[in-house]
Amino acid sequence: MGLLLVLNVMGTDEFGGYGFAMWVMWTLLIPVLALGEATSVIVGNYFGEKRYEDLLNVVKTSMVLVIVIMLIIAGIGVLWWQSLSAFFNPNPAMVSYSVATFWWLIIPYIGFGIGTIFRSIFYGTGQTRYIFYIACIINIGMILPFIALIKMGIITASFSSVMMFYMISFLLDPVLAFIWARKVVSEFPDKKPVENSSV
């Protein structure tokens, strides 16, 4: 939210272009979010039944599906984002910032999709404190200092600087999720379930 305020102060074209890009992106992300929710439920069921191998297989399958979906979204953006933006908004400046937002954030959003599946492990196993840790690191450890540096005039607020910071914070999310998801998985009992182990 703080970074949105910075964009809003910079100008209506920047904020409008970013806002349109996010509206389209989050609409396209609906299948990824739905897959993340479904994976959380299945992980929870398998974790309760101590079917750890099946749990990991579901996570791996969901991860592959998310990567495929995100690559399709990236392909749609590469081919049609400019035309789509121009169709919905006649303002050339906003269209330009919308396209720039797509190019800045498509790779981080692929990371976001991957992180969504890692977070299903936290939800399904009840280890949700790791989601809190990730949020604290990114919001308190990164975003608040960044905004403070802008307010103090140490960093110049520009569209590129804000997009770069968004990119870094979005890419850090799946990295942290992966590290803690591995920790959670490493704590699963070594013995494999002996009954009803098929998906």
N, C-alpha and C. Protein backbone atom coordinates (compact mmCIF):
# COMPACT_ATOMS: atom_id res chain seq x y z
N MET A 1 0.83 -1.20 0.00
CA MET A 1 0.00 0.00 0.00
C MET A 1 0.86 1.25 0.00
N GLY A 2 1.93 1.27 0.76
CA GLY A 2 2.80 2.44 0.82
C GLY A 2 3.40 2.77 -0.53
N LEU A 3 3.80 1.75 -1.29
CA LEU A 3 4.38 1.98 -2.60
C LEU A 3 3.33 2.54 -3.57
N LEU A 4 2.07 2.17 -3.40
CA LEU A 4 1.01 2.74 -4.22
C LEU A 4 0.85 4.23 -3.95
N LEU A 5 1.01 4.63 -2.70
CA LEU A 5 0.94 6.05 -2.36
C LEU A 5 2.07 6.81 -3.04
N VAL A 6 3.25 6.20 -3.11
CA VAL A 6 4.37 6.85 -3.79
C VAL A 6 4.05 7.03 -5.27
N LEU A 7 3.49 5.99 -5.91
CA LEU A 7 3.13 6.09 -7.32
C LEU A 7 2.05 7.16 -7.52
N ASN A 8 1.10 7.23 -6.60
CA ASN A 8 0.01 8.20 -6.72
C ASN A 8 0.54 9.63 -6.66
N VAL A 9 1.51 9.86 -5.79
CA VAL A 9 2.10 11.19 -5.68
C VAL A 9 2.86 11.55 -6.95
N MET A 10 3.45 10.56 -7.61
CA MET A 10 4.26 10.82 -8.80
C MET A 10 3.41 11.29 -9.98
N GLY A 11 2.16 10.87 -10.07
CA GLY A 11 1.33 11.32 -11.17
C GLY A 11 0.21 10.36 -11.51
N THR A 12 -0.84 10.90 -12.14
CA THR A 12 -1.99 10.07 -12.47
C THR A 12 -1.68 9.07 -13.58
N ASP A 13 -0.80 9.42 -14.51
CA ASP A 13 -0.46 8.49 -15.59
C ASP A 13 0.24 7.26 -15.05
N GLU A 14 1.21 7.48 -14.15
CA GLU A 14 1.94 6.35 -13.55
C GLU A 14 1.00 5.47 -12.75
N PHE A 15 0.17 6.12 -11.91
CA PHE A 15 -0.73 5.36 -11.05
C PHE A 15 -1.79 4.65 -11.88
N GLY A 16 -2.33 5.35 -12.90
CA GLY A 16 -3.35 4.74 -13.75
C GLY A 16 -2.81 3.58 -14.56
N GLY A 17 -1.61 3.74 -15.11
CA GLY A 17 -1.02 2.66 -15.89
C GLY A 17 -0.74 1.45 -15.03
N TYR A 18 -0.20 1.68 -13.84
CA TYR A 18 0.06 0.58 -12.91
C TYR A 18 -1.26 -0.09 -12.50
N GLY A 19 -2.26 0.74 -12.17
CA GLY A 19 -3.54 0.20 -11.72
C GLY A 19 -4.20 -0.68 -12.77
N PHE A 20 -4.15 -0.26 -14.03
CA PHE A 20 -4.74 -1.07 -15.09
C PHE A 20 -3.98 -2.39 -15.24
N ALA A 21 -2.67 -2.30 -15.22
CA ALA A 21 -1.86 -3.52 -15.36
C ALA A 21 -2.17 -4.51 -14.25
N MET A 22 -2.34 -4.00 -13.02
CA MET A 22 -2.64 -4.88 -11.90
C MET A 22 -4.04 -5.48 -12.01
N TRP A 23 -4.98 -4.69 -12.52
CA TRP A 23 -6.34 -5.21 -12.71
C TRP A 23 -6.33 -6.40 -13.67
N VAL A 24 -5.64 -6.25 -14.78
CA VAL A 24 -5.56 -7.34 -15.76
C VAL A 24 -4.80 -8.52 -15.17
N MET A 25 -3.66 -8.23 -14.52
CA MET A 25 -2.83 -9.30 -13.99
C MET A 25 -3.57 -10.14 -12.96
N TRP A 26 -4.25 -9.47 -12.02
CA TRP A 26 -4.93 -10.22 -10.96
C TRP A 26 -6.14 -10.98 -11.52
N THR A 27 -6.74 -10.47 -12.59
CA THR A 27 -7.81 -11.23 -13.25
C THR A 27 -7.25 -12.51 -13.86
N LEU A 28 -6.11 -12.40 -14.51
CA LEU A 28 -5.47 -13.57 -15.12
C LEU A 28 -4.95 -14.54 -14.07
N LEU A 29 -4.68 -14.03 -12.85
CA LEU A 29 -4.12 -14.87 -11.78
C LEU A 29 -5.18 -15.70 -11.05
N ILE A 30 -6.45 -15.51 -11.38
CA ILE A 30 -7.51 -16.24 -10.66
C ILE A 30 -7.27 -17.76 -10.67
N PRO A 31 -6.90 -18.38 -11.79
CA PRO A 31 -6.64 -19.83 -11.75
C PRO A 31 -5.49 -20.20 -10.81
N VAL A 32 -4.47 -19.36 -10.73
CA VAL A 32 -3.34 -19.63 -9.84
C VAL A 32 -3.79 -19.55 -8.39
N LEU A 33 -4.57 -18.53 -8.05
CA LEU A 33 -5.06 -18.39 -6.68
C LEU A 33 -5.98 -19.55 -6.30
N ALA A 34 -6.83 -19.97 -7.25
CA ALA A 34 -7.73 -21.10 -7.00
C ALA A 34 -6.93 -22.39 -6.79
N LEU A 35 -5.90 -22.58 -7.60
CA LEU A 35 -5.05 -23.76 -7.46
C LEU A 35 -4.33 -23.75 -6.11
N GLY A 36 -3.89 -22.58 -5.68
CA GLY A 36 -3.23 -22.47 -4.38
C GLY A 36 -4.17 -22.85 -3.24
N GLU A 37 -5.43 -22.38 -3.32
CA GLU A 37 -6.41 -22.72 -2.29
C GLU A 37 -6.69 -24.23 -2.27
N ALA A 38 -6.87 -24.80 -3.45
CA ALA A 38 -7.15 -26.24 -3.54
C ALA A 38 -5.98 -27.05 -3.02
N THR A 39 -4.76 -26.62 -3.35
CA THR A 39 -3.57 -27.34 -2.89
C THR A 39 -3.47 -27.29 -1.37
N SER A 40 -3.81 -26.15 -0.77
CA SER A 40 -3.77 -26.03 0.69
C SER A 40 -4.70 -27.04 1.35
N VAL A 41 -5.90 -27.21 0.77
CA VAL A 41 -6.87 -28.16 1.33
C VAL A 41 -6.36 -29.59 1.22
N ILE A 42 -5.84 -29.94 0.03
CA ILE A 42 -5.35 -31.31 -0.17
C ILE A 42 -4.14 -31.58 0.72
N VAL A 43 -3.24 -30.60 0.82
CA VAL A 43 -2.07 -30.76 1.70
C VAL A 43 -2.53 -30.99 3.14
N GLY A 44 -3.54 -30.23 3.57
CA GLY A 44 -4.06 -30.41 4.93
C GLY A 44 -4.62 -31.81 5.15
N ASN A 45 -5.37 -32.31 4.15
CA ASN A 45 -5.94 -33.65 4.27
C ASN A 45 -4.85 -34.72 4.34
N TYR A 46 -3.88 -34.63 3.43
CA TYR A 46 -2.82 -35.63 3.40
C TYR A 46 -1.92 -35.53 4.63
N PHE A 47 -1.71 -34.32 5.11
CA PHE A 47 -0.90 -34.16 6.31
C PHE A 47 -1.59 -34.81 7.51
N GLY A 48 -2.90 -34.62 7.61
CA GLY A 48 -3.65 -35.23 8.71
C GLY A 48 -3.64 -36.75 8.64
N GLU A 49 -3.60 -37.27 7.40
CA GLU A 49 -3.57 -38.73 7.22
C GLU A 49 -2.15 -39.28 7.20
N LYS A 50 -1.17 -38.40 7.40
CA LYS A 50 0.25 -38.79 7.40
C LYS A 50 0.68 -39.38 6.05
N ARG A 51 0.07 -38.91 4.99
CA ARG A 51 0.43 -39.37 3.64
C ARG A 51 1.42 -38.35 3.06
N TYR A 52 2.62 -38.34 3.59
CA TYR A 52 3.59 -37.29 3.27
C TYR A 52 4.10 -37.35 1.83
N GLU A 53 4.26 -38.55 1.33
CA GLU A 53 4.74 -38.69 -0.04
C GLU A 53 3.69 -38.17 -1.03
N ASP A 54 2.42 -38.50 -0.77
CA ASP A 54 1.34 -38.00 -1.62
C ASP A 54 1.24 -36.48 -1.52
N LEU A 55 1.44 -35.97 -0.33
CA LEU A 55 1.42 -34.52 -0.10
C LEU A 55 2.45 -33.82 -0.99
N LEU A 56 3.65 -34.35 -1.00
CA LEU A 56 4.72 -33.73 -1.80
C LEU A 56 4.44 -33.87 -3.29
N ASN A 57 3.84 -34.99 -3.69
CA ASN A 57 3.50 -35.16 -5.11
C ASN A 57 2.46 -34.13 -5.56
N VAL A 58 1.49 -33.86 -4.69
CA VAL A 58 0.47 -32.86 -5.01
C VAL A 58 1.11 -31.48 -5.15
N VAL A 59 2.01 -31.15 -4.23
CA VAL A 59 2.69 -29.85 -4.29
C VAL A 59 3.50 -29.73 -5.58
N LYS A 60 4.21 -30.79 -5.94
CA LYS A 60 5.01 -30.76 -7.18
C LYS A 60 4.13 -30.61 -8.41
N THR A 61 3.01 -31.34 -8.44
CA THR A 61 2.09 -31.23 -9.57
C THR A 61 1.51 -29.83 -9.68
N SER A 62 1.09 -29.27 -8.54
CA SER A 62 0.54 -27.91 -8.53
C SER A 62 1.58 -26.90 -8.97
N MET A 63 2.82 -27.13 -8.57
CA MET A 63 3.90 -26.22 -8.96
C MET A 63 4.08 -26.20 -10.48
N VAL A 64 4.05 -27.38 -11.09
CA VAL A 64 4.19 -27.47 -12.55
C VAL A 64 3.02 -26.75 -13.23
N LEU A 65 1.81 -26.97 -12.73
CA LEU A 65 0.63 -26.33 -13.31
C LEU A 65 0.71 -24.81 -13.20
N VAL A 66 1.15 -24.32 -12.04
CA VAL A 66 1.27 -22.88 -11.85
C VAL A 66 2.30 -22.28 -12.80
N ILE A 67 3.42 -22.95 -12.94
CA ILE A 67 4.46 -22.44 -13.86
C ILE A 67 3.93 -22.39 -15.28
N VAL A 68 3.19 -23.43 -15.70
CA VAL A 68 2.61 -23.44 -17.04
C VAL A 68 1.62 -22.28 -17.21
N ILE A 69 0.74 -22.09 -16.21
CA ILE A 69 -0.25 -21.00 -16.27
C ILE A 69 0.45 -19.65 -16.34
N MET A 70 1.48 -19.46 -15.52
CA MET A 70 2.17 -18.17 -15.50
C MET A 70 2.92 -17.93 -16.81
N LEU A 71 3.45 -18.97 -17.42
CA LEU A 71 4.12 -18.81 -18.72
C LEU A 71 3.11 -18.46 -19.81
N ILE A 72 1.89 -19.01 -19.72
CA ILE A 72 0.83 -18.65 -20.66
C ILE A 72 0.46 -17.18 -20.49
N ILE A 73 0.32 -16.74 -19.22
CA ILE A 73 0.03 -15.33 -18.94
C ILE A 73 1.13 -14.44 -19.51
N ALA A 74 2.38 -14.85 -19.30
CA ALA A 74 3.51 -14.07 -19.83
C ALA A 74 3.44 -14.00 -21.35
N GLY A 75 3.09 -15.12 -21.99
CA GLY A 75 2.97 -15.14 -23.44
C GLY A 75 1.87 -14.21 -23.94
N ILE A 76 0.72 -14.24 -23.24
CA ILE A 76 -0.38 -13.34 -23.59
C ILE A 76 0.08 -11.88 -23.48
N GLY A 77 0.81 -11.58 -22.41
CA GLY A 77 1.28 -10.22 -22.21
C GLY A 77 2.26 -9.77 -23.28
N VAL A 78 3.19 -10.65 -23.61
CA VAL A 78 4.19 -10.31 -24.63
C VAL A 78 3.50 -10.01 -25.96
N LEU A 79 2.48 -10.79 -26.30
CA LEU A 79 1.83 -10.64 -27.61
C LEU A 79 0.78 -9.52 -27.65
N TRP A 80 0.03 -9.36 -26.55
CA TRP A 80 -1.15 -8.51 -26.63
C TRP A 80 -1.29 -7.44 -25.55
N TRP A 81 -0.31 -7.28 -24.65
CA TRP A 81 -0.51 -6.31 -23.56
C TRP A 81 -0.68 -4.88 -24.09
N GLN A 82 0.14 -4.51 -25.05
CA GLN A 82 0.05 -3.16 -25.63
C GLN A 82 -1.34 -2.93 -26.23
N SER A 83 -1.81 -3.87 -27.02
CA SER A 83 -3.12 -3.73 -27.67
C SER A 83 -4.25 -3.72 -26.65
N LEU A 84 -4.15 -4.58 -25.65
CA LEU A 84 -5.16 -4.67 -24.61
C LEU A 84 -5.24 -3.37 -23.83
N SER A 85 -4.09 -2.82 -23.48
CA SER A 85 -4.05 -1.56 -22.73
C SER A 85 -4.64 -0.42 -23.55
N ALA A 86 -4.30 -0.37 -24.84
CA ALA A 86 -4.80 0.70 -25.71
C ALA A 86 -6.31 0.57 -25.94
N PHE A 87 -6.83 -0.66 -25.95
CA PHE A 87 -8.25 -0.89 -26.16
C PHE A 87 -9.07 -0.33 -25.00
N PHE A 88 -8.58 -0.54 -23.77
CA PHE A 88 -9.33 -0.12 -22.59
C PHE A 88 -9.02 1.30 -22.15
N ASN A 89 -7.91 1.87 -22.62
CA ASN A 89 -7.53 3.20 -22.17
C ASN A 89 -6.96 4.01 -23.34
N PRO A 90 -7.62 5.10 -23.70
CA PRO A 90 -7.16 5.89 -24.84
C PRO A 90 -5.97 6.81 -24.51
N ASN A 91 -5.58 6.86 -23.24
CA ASN A 91 -4.48 7.73 -22.82
C ASN A 91 -3.15 7.06 -23.15
N PRO A 92 -2.38 7.58 -24.11
CA PRO A 92 -1.13 6.92 -24.51
C PRO A 92 -0.11 6.82 -23.37
N ALA A 93 -0.08 7.82 -22.48
CA ALA A 93 0.88 7.79 -21.37
C ALA A 93 0.56 6.65 -20.41
N MET A 94 -0.74 6.49 -20.09
CA MET A 94 -1.13 5.39 -19.20
C MET A 94 -0.86 4.04 -19.84
N VAL A 95 -1.10 3.96 -21.14
CA VAL A 95 -0.82 2.72 -21.86
C VAL A 95 0.66 2.39 -21.77
N SER A 96 1.49 3.41 -21.92
CA SER A 96 2.94 3.22 -21.85
C SER A 96 3.37 2.71 -20.48
N TYR A 97 2.80 3.30 -19.42
CA TYR A 97 3.14 2.86 -18.06
C TYR A 97 2.57 1.47 -17.75
N SER A 98 1.43 1.15 -18.35
CA SER A 98 0.87 -0.19 -18.17
C SER A 98 1.78 -1.24 -18.77
N VAL A 99 2.28 -0.97 -19.98
CA VAL A 99 3.20 -1.90 -20.64
C VAL A 99 4.50 -2.01 -19.86
N ALA A 100 4.99 -0.87 -19.36
CA ALA A 100 6.23 -0.89 -18.57
C ALA A 100 6.04 -1.71 -17.29
N THR A 101 4.86 -1.57 -16.67
CA THR A 101 4.57 -2.34 -15.45
C THR A 101 4.60 -3.84 -15.75
N PHE A 102 4.01 -4.23 -16.87
CA PHE A 102 4.03 -5.65 -17.24
C PHE A 102 5.46 -6.16 -17.36
N TRP A 103 6.32 -5.44 -18.08
CA TRP A 103 7.69 -5.91 -18.30
C TRP A 103 8.49 -5.92 -17.00
N TRP A 104 8.22 -4.97 -16.11
CA TRP A 104 8.92 -4.95 -14.83
C TRP A 104 8.50 -6.14 -13.94
N LEU A 105 7.22 -6.50 -13.98
CA LEU A 105 6.69 -7.38 -12.95
C LEU A 105 6.30 -8.78 -13.40
N ILE A 106 6.40 -9.11 -14.69
CA ILE A 106 5.96 -10.44 -15.09
C ILE A 106 6.82 -11.54 -14.47
N ILE A 107 8.14 -11.37 -14.44
CA ILE A 107 9.00 -12.38 -13.80
C ILE A 107 8.71 -12.48 -12.30
N PRO A 108 8.63 -11.35 -11.57
CA PRO A 108 8.26 -11.44 -10.16
C PRO A 108 6.91 -12.10 -9.93
N TYR A 109 5.96 -11.88 -10.84
CA TYR A 109 4.65 -12.51 -10.65
C TYR A 109 4.70 -14.01 -10.90
N ILE A 110 5.59 -14.45 -11.75
CA ILE A 110 5.82 -15.89 -11.87
C ILE A 110 6.33 -16.43 -10.53
N GLY A 111 7.23 -15.66 -9.92
CA GLY A 111 7.70 -16.02 -8.57
C GLY A 111 6.57 -16.01 -7.56
N PHE A 112 5.66 -15.05 -7.68
CA PHE A 112 4.50 -15.01 -6.78
C PHE A 112 3.66 -16.27 -6.91
N GLY A 113 3.45 -16.71 -8.15
CA GLY A 113 2.67 -17.94 -8.36
C GLY A 113 3.34 -19.14 -7.71
N ILE A 114 4.65 -19.23 -7.85
CA ILE A 114 5.40 -20.32 -7.22
C ILE A 114 5.30 -20.23 -5.70
N GLY A 115 5.42 -19.01 -5.18
CA GLY A 115 5.31 -18.80 -3.74
C GLY A 115 3.94 -19.18 -3.21
N THR A 116 2.89 -19.00 -4.03
CA THR A 116 1.54 -19.37 -3.62
C THR A 116 1.45 -20.86 -3.32
N ILE A 117 2.13 -21.67 -4.11
CA ILE A 117 2.10 -23.12 -3.88
C ILE A 117 2.95 -23.47 -2.64
N PHE A 118 4.09 -22.81 -2.46
CA PHE A 118 4.87 -23.06 -1.25
C PHE A 118 4.06 -22.71 0.00
N ARG A 119 3.29 -21.62 -0.08
CA ARG A 119 2.49 -21.22 1.09
C ARG A 119 1.39 -22.23 1.40
N SER A 120 0.97 -23.02 0.40
CA SER A 120 -0.04 -24.05 0.67
C SER A 120 0.49 -25.07 1.67
N ILE A 121 1.81 -25.27 1.69
CA ILE A 121 2.41 -26.17 2.68
C ILE A 121 2.23 -25.61 4.09
N PHE A 122 2.41 -24.29 4.23
CA PHE A 122 2.23 -23.66 5.54
C PHE A 122 0.79 -23.75 6.00
N TYR A 123 -0.15 -23.44 5.09
CA TYR A 123 -1.57 -23.49 5.46
C TYR A 123 -1.98 -24.92 5.78
N GLY A 124 -1.59 -25.86 4.92
CA GLY A 124 -2.03 -27.24 5.09
C GLY A 124 -1.48 -27.91 6.33
N THR A 125 -0.27 -27.54 6.74
CA THR A 125 0.34 -28.17 7.91
C THR A 125 0.13 -27.35 9.19
N GLY A 126 -0.52 -26.21 9.06
CA GLY A 126 -0.76 -25.37 10.24
C GLY A 126 0.43 -24.53 10.65
N GLN A 127 1.48 -24.50 9.83
CA GLN A 127 2.69 -23.73 10.16
C GLN A 127 2.59 -22.31 9.57
N THR A 128 1.49 -21.63 9.85
CA THR A 128 1.23 -20.33 9.22
C THR A 128 2.12 -19.21 9.78
N ARG A 129 2.86 -19.47 10.83
CA ARG A 129 3.75 -18.43 11.35
C ARG A 129 4.80 -18.02 10.32
N TYR A 130 5.13 -18.94 9.43
CA TYR A 130 6.13 -18.60 8.41
C TYR A 130 5.59 -17.57 7.41
N ILE A 131 4.29 -17.59 7.16
CA ILE A 131 3.68 -16.57 6.31
C ILE A 131 3.80 -15.21 7.00
N PHE A 132 3.61 -15.20 8.31
CA PHE A 132 3.76 -13.96 9.09
C PHE A 132 5.20 -13.47 9.03
N TYR A 133 6.15 -14.39 9.14
CA TYR A 133 7.57 -14.00 9.08
C TYR A 133 7.89 -13.35 7.74
N ILE A 134 7.41 -13.97 6.65
CA ILE A 134 7.68 -13.44 5.31
C ILE A 134 7.09 -12.04 5.16
N ALA A 135 5.85 -11.87 5.63
CA ALA A 135 5.19 -10.56 5.54
C ALA A 135 5.96 -9.51 6.33
N CYS A 136 6.45 -9.88 7.50
CA CYS A 136 7.21 -8.93 8.33
C CYS A 136 8.52 -8.52 7.65
N ILE A 137 9.22 -9.50 7.10
CA ILE A 137 10.50 -9.20 6.45
C ILE A 137 10.31 -8.26 5.28
N ILE A 138 9.29 -8.53 4.46
CA ILE A 138 9.08 -7.72 3.26
C ILE A 138 8.50 -6.35 3.59
N ASN A 139 7.47 -6.33 4.46
CA ASN A 139 6.78 -5.07 4.73
C ASN A 139 7.53 -4.19 5.72
N ILE A 140 7.99 -4.78 6.83
CA ILE A 140 8.67 -3.99 7.86
C ILE A 140 10.15 -3.84 7.55
N GLY A 141 10.75 -4.91 7.04
CA GLY A 141 12.19 -4.87 6.79
C GLY A 141 12.59 -4.22 5.49
N MET A 142 11.65 -4.16 4.52
CA MET A 142 12.01 -3.61 3.21
C MET A 142 11.17 -2.40 2.81
N ILE A 143 9.84 -2.59 2.79
CA ILE A 143 8.98 -1.53 2.25
C ILE A 143 8.99 -0.27 3.12
N LEU A 144 8.87 -0.42 4.45
CA LEU A 144 8.86 0.76 5.32
C LEU A 144 10.18 1.54 5.23
N PRO A 145 11.35 0.87 5.29
CA PRO A 145 12.60 1.63 5.12
C PRO A 145 12.69 2.32 3.76
N PHE A 146 12.21 1.66 2.71
CA PHE A 146 12.24 2.25 1.37
C PHE A 146 11.41 3.54 1.33
N ILE A 147 10.20 3.49 1.89
CA ILE A 147 9.35 4.67 1.92
C ILE A 147 9.98 5.77 2.77
N ALA A 148 10.59 5.36 3.89
CA ALA A 148 11.24 6.35 4.77
C ALA A 148 12.39 7.05 4.04
N LEU A 149 13.17 6.29 3.27
CA LEU A 149 14.29 6.88 2.52
C LEU A 149 13.78 7.85 1.46
N ILE A 150 12.64 7.54 0.85
CA ILE A 150 12.05 8.46 -0.12
C ILE A 150 11.58 9.73 0.58
N LYS A 151 10.91 9.57 1.73
CA LYS A 151 10.41 10.73 2.47
C LYS A 151 11.55 11.63 2.93
N MET A 152 12.70 11.04 3.26
CA MET A 152 13.85 11.82 3.71
C MET A 152 14.64 12.39 2.55
N GLY A 153 14.28 12.03 1.33
CA GLY A 153 14.95 12.57 0.16
C GLY A 153 16.25 11.86 -0.18
N ILE A 154 16.54 10.76 0.50
CA ILE A 154 17.77 10.01 0.22
C ILE A 154 17.65 9.25 -1.09
N ILE A 155 16.43 8.74 -1.37
CA ILE A 155 16.15 8.06 -2.63
C ILE A 155 15.14 8.90 -3.40
N THR A 156 15.39 9.09 -4.69
CA THR A 156 14.46 9.83 -5.54
C THR A 156 13.35 8.91 -6.02
N ALA A 157 12.12 9.32 -5.76
CA ALA A 157 10.98 8.50 -6.19
C ALA A 157 10.79 8.64 -7.69
N SER A 158 10.82 7.53 -8.39
CA SER A 158 10.54 7.50 -9.82
C SER A 158 9.79 6.22 -10.12
N PHE A 159 9.14 6.17 -11.27
CA PHE A 159 8.41 4.97 -11.64
C PHE A 159 9.34 3.77 -11.68
N SER A 160 10.53 3.96 -12.25
CA SER A 160 11.48 2.85 -12.37
C SER A 160 11.97 2.37 -11.02
N SER A 161 12.23 3.30 -10.08
CA SER A 161 12.73 2.89 -8.76
C SER A 161 11.67 2.12 -7.99
N VAL A 162 10.40 2.57 -8.11
CA VAL A 162 9.32 1.86 -7.43
C VAL A 162 9.12 0.48 -8.04
N MET A 163 9.15 0.39 -9.37
CA MET A 163 8.98 -0.91 -10.03
C MET A 163 10.13 -1.86 -9.69
N MET A 164 11.33 -1.31 -9.61
CA MET A 164 12.47 -2.15 -9.25
C MET A 164 12.32 -2.69 -7.84
N PHE A 165 11.81 -1.85 -6.94
CA PHE A 165 11.62 -2.31 -5.57
C PHE A 165 10.51 -3.36 -5.49
N TYR A 166 9.42 -3.12 -6.24
CA TYR A 166 8.37 -4.14 -6.33
C TYR A 166 8.97 -5.47 -6.81
N MET A 167 9.80 -5.40 -7.83
CA MET A 167 10.40 -6.59 -8.41
C MET A 167 11.23 -7.35 -7.37
N ILE A 168 12.05 -6.62 -6.62
CA ILE A 168 12.91 -7.25 -5.62
C ILE A 168 12.07 -7.90 -4.52
N SER A 169 11.07 -7.18 -4.02
CA SER A 169 10.26 -7.71 -2.92
C SER A 169 9.42 -8.90 -3.37
N PHE A 170 8.91 -8.86 -4.62
CA PHE A 170 8.12 -9.98 -5.12
C PHE A 170 8.99 -11.22 -5.34
N LEU A 171 10.24 -11.02 -5.73
CA LEU A 171 11.13 -12.16 -5.94
C LEU A 171 11.63 -12.73 -4.62
N LEU A 172 11.74 -11.88 -3.59
CA LEU A 172 12.17 -12.37 -2.28
C LEU A 172 11.12 -13.28 -1.66
N ASP A 173 9.85 -13.00 -1.93
CA ASP A 173 8.75 -13.77 -1.34
C ASP A 173 8.88 -15.27 -1.61
N PRO A 174 9.00 -15.72 -2.89
CA PRO A 174 9.10 -17.17 -3.11
C PRO A 174 10.41 -17.76 -2.60
N VAL A 175 11.48 -16.95 -2.54
CA VAL A 175 12.75 -17.46 -2.01
C VAL A 175 12.59 -17.79 -0.52
N LEU A 176 12.01 -16.88 0.23
CA LEU A 176 11.79 -17.12 1.66
C LEU A 176 10.80 -18.27 1.87
N ALA A 177 9.74 -18.29 1.04
CA ALA A 177 8.76 -19.37 1.16
C ALA A 177 9.40 -20.73 0.89
N PHE A 178 10.30 -20.79 -0.10
CA PHE A 178 10.98 -22.04 -0.42
C PHE A 178 11.85 -22.50 0.75
N ILE A 179 12.59 -21.56 1.34
CA ILE A 179 13.49 -21.91 2.46
C ILE A 179 12.71 -22.48 3.62
N TRP A 180 11.61 -21.83 3.99
CA TRP A 180 10.85 -22.31 5.15
C TRP A 180 9.99 -23.51 4.80
N ALA A 181 9.54 -23.63 3.55
CA ALA A 181 8.79 -24.83 3.15
C ALA A 181 9.69 -26.06 3.25
N ARG A 182 10.95 -25.92 2.84
CA ARG A 182 11.90 -27.04 2.98
C ARG A 182 12.08 -27.41 4.45
N LYS A 183 12.10 -26.42 5.31
CA LYS A 183 12.25 -26.68 6.75
C LYS A 183 11.05 -27.47 7.27
N VAL A 184 9.84 -27.07 6.86
CA VAL A 184 8.64 -27.76 7.30
C VAL A 184 8.64 -29.20 6.80
N VAL A 185 8.98 -29.38 5.52
CA VAL A 185 9.00 -30.73 4.94
C VAL A 185 10.06 -31.60 5.60
N SER A 186 11.20 -31.00 5.96
CA SER A 186 12.27 -31.78 6.59
C SER A 186 11.87 -32.32 7.95
N GLU A 187 10.83 -31.73 8.54
CA GLU A 187 10.37 -32.18 9.86
C GLU A 187 9.31 -33.26 9.78
N PHE A 188 8.91 -33.64 8.53
CA PHE A 188 7.98 -34.76 8.40
C PHE A 188 8.66 -36.03 8.90
N PRO A 189 7.90 -36.93 9.54
CA PRO A 189 8.49 -38.21 9.96
C PRO A 189 9.07 -38.96 8.76
N ASP A 190 10.16 -39.69 9.00
CA ASP A 190 10.83 -40.41 7.92
C ASP A 190 10.03 -41.59 7.40
N LYS A 191 9.25 -42.22 8.28
CA LYS A 191 8.55 -43.41 7.83
C LYS A 191 7.44 -43.04 6.85
N LYS A 192 7.26 -43.89 5.83
CA LYS A 192 6.27 -43.64 4.81
C LYS A 192 4.96 -44.30 5.20
N PRO A 193 3.85 -43.70 4.80
CA PRO A 193 2.57 -44.32 5.11
C PRO A 193 2.43 -45.66 4.40
N VAL A 194 1.76 -46.59 5.04
CA VAL A 194 1.68 -47.94 4.48
C VAL A 194 0.32 -48.25 3.89
N GLU A 195 -0.69 -47.41 4.15
CA GLU A 195 -1.98 -47.72 3.59
C GLU A 195 -2.59 -46.48 2.92
N ASN A 196 -3.36 -46.76 1.89
CA ASN A 196 -4.04 -45.69 1.16
C ASN A 196 -3.10 -44.61 0.68
N SER A 197 -1.99 -44.96 0.11
CA SER A 197 -0.98 -43.95 -0.27
C SER A 197 -1.16 -43.44 -1.69
N SER A 198 -2.18 -43.92 -2.42
CA SER A 198 -2.38 -43.42 -3.77
C SER A 198 -3.15 -42.11 -3.74
N VAL A 199 -2.87 -41.25 -4.75
CA VAL A 199 -3.53 -39.94 -4.80
C VAL A 199 -4.99 -40.12 -5.20
